[in-house]
Amino acid sequence: MARFEMNNSGMATMGGETRADTFCEMGLMYATGRGCDIDLISAHKWLNIAAIKGSERAAELRADLSMTMSKMELAAALRAAREWMTMH
């Protein structure tokens, strides 16, 4: 799982160009369990990052996902997104 994240996040920023659609796809992957276990915190994290990078679709999906998560899960997801944004 971590290898996938690292590879895709690296691909998403290659050439100094951010690709919000890659982050959105990563969020969908974790939300649906496509090729990995379902992880709502990681899903929200990547959808949040995609939304910050300009993806309206990710913002809508993030809002829908938020409605199914606990306050603790949301806090963890927001913290993870903030940490990722700080590092990248």
N, C-alpha and C. Protein backbone atom coordinates (compact mmCIF):
# COMPACT_ATOMS: atom_id res chain seq x y z
N MET A 1 0.81 -1.18 0.00
CA MET A 1 0.00 0.00 0.00
C MET A 1 0.86 1.26 0.00
N ALA A 2 1.84 1.35 0.89
CA ALA A 2 2.67 2.54 0.98
C ALA A 2 3.43 2.76 -0.33
N ARG A 3 3.87 1.67 -0.96
CA ARG A 3 4.60 1.79 -2.22
C ARG A 3 3.72 2.45 -3.27
N PHE A 4 2.45 2.04 -3.31
CA PHE A 4 1.53 2.63 -4.28
C PHE A 4 1.39 4.13 -4.03
N GLU A 5 1.20 4.51 -2.76
CA GLU A 5 1.05 5.91 -2.43
C GLU A 5 2.27 6.71 -2.86
N MET A 6 3.45 6.20 -2.53
CA MET A 6 4.67 6.92 -2.85
C MET A 6 4.85 7.05 -4.35
N ASN A 7 4.59 5.99 -5.08
CA ASN A 7 4.75 6.04 -6.53
C ASN A 7 3.75 7.01 -7.15
N ASN A 8 2.50 6.93 -6.74
CA ASN A 8 1.50 7.80 -7.34
C ASN A 8 1.66 9.24 -6.91
N SER A 9 2.01 9.49 -5.67
CA SER A 9 2.18 10.88 -5.26
C SER A 9 3.39 11.48 -5.96
N GLY A 10 4.41 10.68 -6.21
CA GLY A 10 5.56 11.16 -6.95
C GLY A 10 5.20 11.45 -8.40
N MET A 11 4.41 10.57 -9.00
CA MET A 11 3.98 10.77 -10.38
C MET A 11 3.11 12.01 -10.49
N ALA A 12 2.32 12.26 -9.47
CA ALA A 12 1.39 13.38 -9.52
C ALA A 12 2.09 14.72 -9.49
N THR A 13 3.33 14.76 -9.04
CA THR A 13 4.03 16.03 -8.97
C THR A 13 5.24 16.08 -9.90
N MET A 14 5.35 15.13 -10.81
CA MET A 14 6.47 15.11 -11.74
C MET A 14 6.47 16.37 -12.60
N GLY A 15 7.66 16.91 -12.81
CA GLY A 15 7.77 18.08 -13.66
C GLY A 15 7.23 19.34 -13.02
N GLY A 16 7.01 19.33 -11.71
CA GLY A 16 6.48 20.50 -11.02
C GLY A 16 5.01 20.74 -11.27
N GLU A 17 4.38 19.83 -11.99
CA GLU A 17 2.98 19.99 -12.33
C GLU A 17 2.13 19.06 -11.47
N THR A 18 1.14 19.61 -10.80
CA THR A 18 0.29 18.80 -9.94
C THR A 18 -0.88 18.24 -10.73
N ARG A 19 -1.17 16.99 -10.51
CA ARG A 19 -2.27 16.34 -11.20
C ARG A 19 -3.32 15.92 -10.18
N ALA A 20 -4.31 16.79 -9.98
CA ALA A 20 -5.36 16.54 -8.99
C ALA A 20 -6.12 15.26 -9.30
N ASP A 21 -6.23 14.90 -10.59
CA ASP A 21 -6.98 13.69 -10.94
C ASP A 21 -6.30 12.43 -10.40
N THR A 22 -4.97 12.43 -10.30
CA THR A 22 -4.26 11.28 -9.74
C THR A 22 -4.59 11.13 -8.26
N PHE A 23 -4.59 12.26 -7.55
CA PHE A 23 -4.93 12.22 -6.13
C PHE A 23 -6.38 11.78 -5.94
N CYS A 24 -7.26 12.24 -6.82
CA CYS A 24 -8.67 11.84 -6.75
C CYS A 24 -8.81 10.34 -6.96
N GLU A 25 -8.10 9.81 -7.93
CA GLU A 25 -8.14 8.36 -8.19
C GLU A 25 -7.62 7.58 -6.99
N MET A 26 -6.59 8.09 -6.33
CA MET A 26 -6.08 7.42 -5.14
C MET A 26 -7.14 7.41 -4.04
N GLY A 27 -7.85 8.53 -3.88
CA GLY A 27 -8.93 8.59 -2.91
C GLY A 27 -10.02 7.58 -3.22
N LEU A 28 -10.38 7.48 -4.48
CA LEU A 28 -11.40 6.49 -4.89
C LEU A 28 -10.92 5.07 -4.66
N MET A 29 -9.64 4.83 -4.90
CA MET A 29 -9.08 3.50 -4.70
C MET A 29 -9.27 3.07 -3.24
N TYR A 30 -8.91 3.96 -2.31
CA TYR A 30 -9.05 3.62 -0.89
C TYR A 30 -10.52 3.58 -0.46
N ALA A 31 -11.36 4.41 -1.03
CA ALA A 31 -12.77 4.43 -0.66
C ALA A 31 -13.50 3.16 -1.08
N THR A 32 -13.09 2.60 -2.22
CA THR A 32 -13.79 1.43 -2.76
C THR A 32 -13.06 0.12 -2.51
N GLY A 33 -11.81 0.20 -2.07
CA GLY A 33 -11.04 -1.02 -1.86
C GLY A 33 -10.55 -1.63 -3.15
N ARG A 34 -10.36 -0.81 -4.16
CA ARG A 34 -9.89 -1.27 -5.46
C ARG A 34 -8.38 -1.52 -5.38
N GLY A 35 -7.99 -2.78 -5.26
CA GLY A 35 -6.58 -3.14 -5.19
C GLY A 35 -5.97 -3.00 -3.81
N CYS A 36 -6.79 -2.70 -2.81
CA CYS A 36 -6.30 -2.54 -1.44
C CYS A 36 -7.48 -2.69 -0.49
N ASP A 37 -7.18 -2.67 0.80
CA ASP A 37 -8.26 -2.67 1.78
C ASP A 37 -8.93 -1.31 1.79
N ILE A 38 -10.23 -1.27 2.10
CA ILE A 38 -10.93 0.01 2.24
C ILE A 38 -10.33 0.74 3.43
N ASP A 39 -10.00 2.00 3.22
CA ASP A 39 -9.41 2.84 4.26
C ASP A 39 -9.99 4.24 4.08
N LEU A 40 -11.04 4.56 4.86
CA LEU A 40 -11.75 5.82 4.69
C LEU A 40 -10.89 7.03 5.05
N ILE A 41 -10.00 6.85 6.00
CA ILE A 41 -9.12 7.96 6.38
C ILE A 41 -8.18 8.31 5.23
N SER A 42 -7.57 7.31 4.63
CA SER A 42 -6.70 7.56 3.48
C SER A 42 -7.50 8.08 2.29
N ALA A 43 -8.70 7.56 2.10
CA ALA A 43 -9.55 8.03 1.01
C ALA A 43 -9.83 9.52 1.16
N HIS A 44 -10.23 9.91 2.35
CA HIS A 44 -10.54 11.32 2.61
C HIS A 44 -9.29 12.18 2.44
N LYS A 45 -8.16 11.68 2.93
CA LYS A 45 -6.90 12.41 2.80
C LYS A 45 -6.61 12.75 1.34
N TRP A 46 -6.65 11.74 0.46
CA TRP A 46 -6.31 11.96 -0.94
C TRP A 46 -7.36 12.78 -1.67
N LEU A 47 -8.64 12.58 -1.32
CA LEU A 47 -9.69 13.41 -1.92
C LEU A 47 -9.54 14.86 -1.48
N ASN A 48 -9.16 15.07 -0.23
CA ASN A 48 -8.95 16.42 0.28
C ASN A 48 -7.80 17.09 -0.46
N ILE A 49 -6.71 16.38 -0.64
CA ILE A 49 -5.57 16.93 -1.36
C ILE A 49 -5.96 17.25 -2.81
N ALA A 50 -6.70 16.35 -3.43
CA ALA A 50 -7.15 16.60 -4.81
C ALA A 50 -8.04 17.84 -4.87
N ALA A 51 -8.92 17.99 -3.89
CA ALA A 51 -9.81 19.15 -3.86
C ALA A 51 -9.00 20.44 -3.67
N ILE A 52 -8.01 20.40 -2.81
CA ILE A 52 -7.14 21.56 -2.61
C ILE A 52 -6.41 21.92 -3.90
N LYS A 53 -6.06 20.89 -4.67
CA LYS A 53 -5.35 21.11 -5.93
C LYS A 53 -6.28 21.50 -7.07
N GLY A 54 -7.59 21.59 -6.80
CA GLY A 54 -8.52 22.11 -7.80
C GLY A 54 -9.54 21.16 -8.37
N SER A 55 -9.63 19.93 -7.87
CA SER A 55 -10.59 18.97 -8.42
C SER A 55 -11.96 19.14 -7.77
N GLU A 56 -12.93 19.61 -8.56
CA GLU A 56 -14.29 19.76 -8.06
C GLU A 56 -14.92 18.40 -7.76
N ARG A 57 -14.62 17.42 -8.59
CA ARG A 57 -15.13 16.07 -8.38
C ARG A 57 -14.67 15.53 -7.03
N ALA A 58 -13.39 15.72 -6.72
CA ALA A 58 -12.85 15.26 -5.44
C ALA A 58 -13.54 15.96 -4.27
N ALA A 59 -13.82 17.24 -4.43
CA ALA A 59 -14.50 17.98 -3.36
C ALA A 59 -15.88 17.40 -3.09
N GLU A 60 -16.58 17.04 -4.15
CA GLU A 60 -17.92 16.44 -4.00
C GLU A 60 -17.82 15.06 -3.35
N LEU A 61 -16.88 14.25 -3.82
CA LEU A 61 -16.70 12.92 -3.25
C LEU A 61 -16.28 12.99 -1.78
N ARG A 62 -15.41 13.94 -1.47
CA ARG A 62 -14.96 14.13 -0.09
C ARG A 62 -16.13 14.49 0.81
N ALA A 63 -17.01 15.36 0.34
CA ALA A 63 -18.19 15.75 1.13
C ALA A 63 -19.08 14.54 1.39
N ASP A 64 -19.30 13.72 0.37
CA ASP A 64 -20.12 12.52 0.53
C ASP A 64 -19.47 11.55 1.52
N LEU A 65 -18.18 11.36 1.38
CA LEU A 65 -17.45 10.45 2.26
C LEU A 65 -17.48 10.94 3.71
N SER A 66 -17.36 12.24 3.90
CA SER A 66 -17.34 12.83 5.24
C SER A 66 -18.61 12.49 6.03
N MET A 67 -19.70 12.35 5.33
CA MET A 67 -20.98 12.06 5.99
C MET A 67 -21.01 10.66 6.60
N THR A 68 -20.12 9.79 6.17
CA THR A 68 -20.10 8.41 6.67
C THR A 68 -19.02 8.19 7.73
N MET A 69 -18.24 9.22 8.02
CA MET A 69 -17.10 9.07 8.92
C MET A 69 -17.38 9.68 10.28
N SER A 70 -16.73 9.13 11.31
CA SER A 70 -16.85 9.70 12.65
C SER A 70 -15.99 10.96 12.75
N LYS A 71 -16.20 11.73 13.80
CA LYS A 71 -15.40 12.94 14.02
C LYS A 71 -13.93 12.60 14.21
N MET A 72 -13.66 11.50 14.87
CA MET A 72 -12.28 11.08 15.07
C MET A 72 -11.61 10.69 13.75
N GLU A 73 -12.35 9.99 12.89
CA GLU A 73 -11.82 9.61 11.58
C GLU A 73 -11.55 10.85 10.73
N LEU A 74 -12.49 11.80 10.76
CA LEU A 74 -12.30 13.03 10.00
C LEU A 74 -11.07 13.81 10.48
N ALA A 75 -10.92 13.88 11.79
CA ALA A 75 -9.76 14.59 12.34
C ALA A 75 -8.46 13.92 11.90
N ALA A 76 -8.42 12.60 11.92
CA ALA A 76 -7.22 11.87 11.49
C ALA A 76 -6.95 12.10 10.01
N ALA A 77 -7.99 12.11 9.19
CA ALA A 77 -7.83 12.33 7.75
C ALA A 77 -7.33 13.74 7.46
N LEU A 78 -7.89 14.72 8.15
CA LEU A 78 -7.46 16.10 7.94
C LEU A 78 -6.01 16.29 8.39
N ARG A 79 -5.66 15.67 9.49
CA ARG A 79 -4.28 15.73 9.99
C ARG A 79 -3.31 15.11 8.97
N ALA A 80 -3.69 13.96 8.41
CA ALA A 80 -2.85 13.27 7.43
C ALA A 80 -2.67 14.12 6.17
N ALA A 81 -3.74 14.76 5.72
CA ALA A 81 -3.65 15.61 4.52
C ALA A 81 -2.77 16.82 4.80
N ARG A 82 -2.93 17.42 5.97
CA ARG A 82 -2.12 18.58 6.34
C ARG A 82 -0.64 18.21 6.41
N GLU A 83 -0.36 17.05 7.00
CA GLU A 83 1.04 16.59 7.08
C GLU A 83 1.62 16.35 5.68
N TRP A 84 0.84 15.73 4.80
CA TRP A 84 1.32 15.49 3.44
C TRP A 84 1.59 16.79 2.71
N MET A 85 0.65 17.75 2.84
CA MET A 85 0.80 19.04 2.17
C MET A 85 2.03 19.79 2.70
N THR A 86 2.30 19.67 3.98
CA THR A 86 3.46 20.33 4.56
C THR A 86 4.76 19.75 4.02
N MET A 87 4.77 18.43 3.80
CA MET A 87 5.98 17.76 3.31
C MET A 87 6.17 17.94 1.81
N HIS A 88 5.11 18.20 1.07
CA HIS A 88 5.21 18.28 -0.39
C HIS A 88 4.79 19.66 -0.82
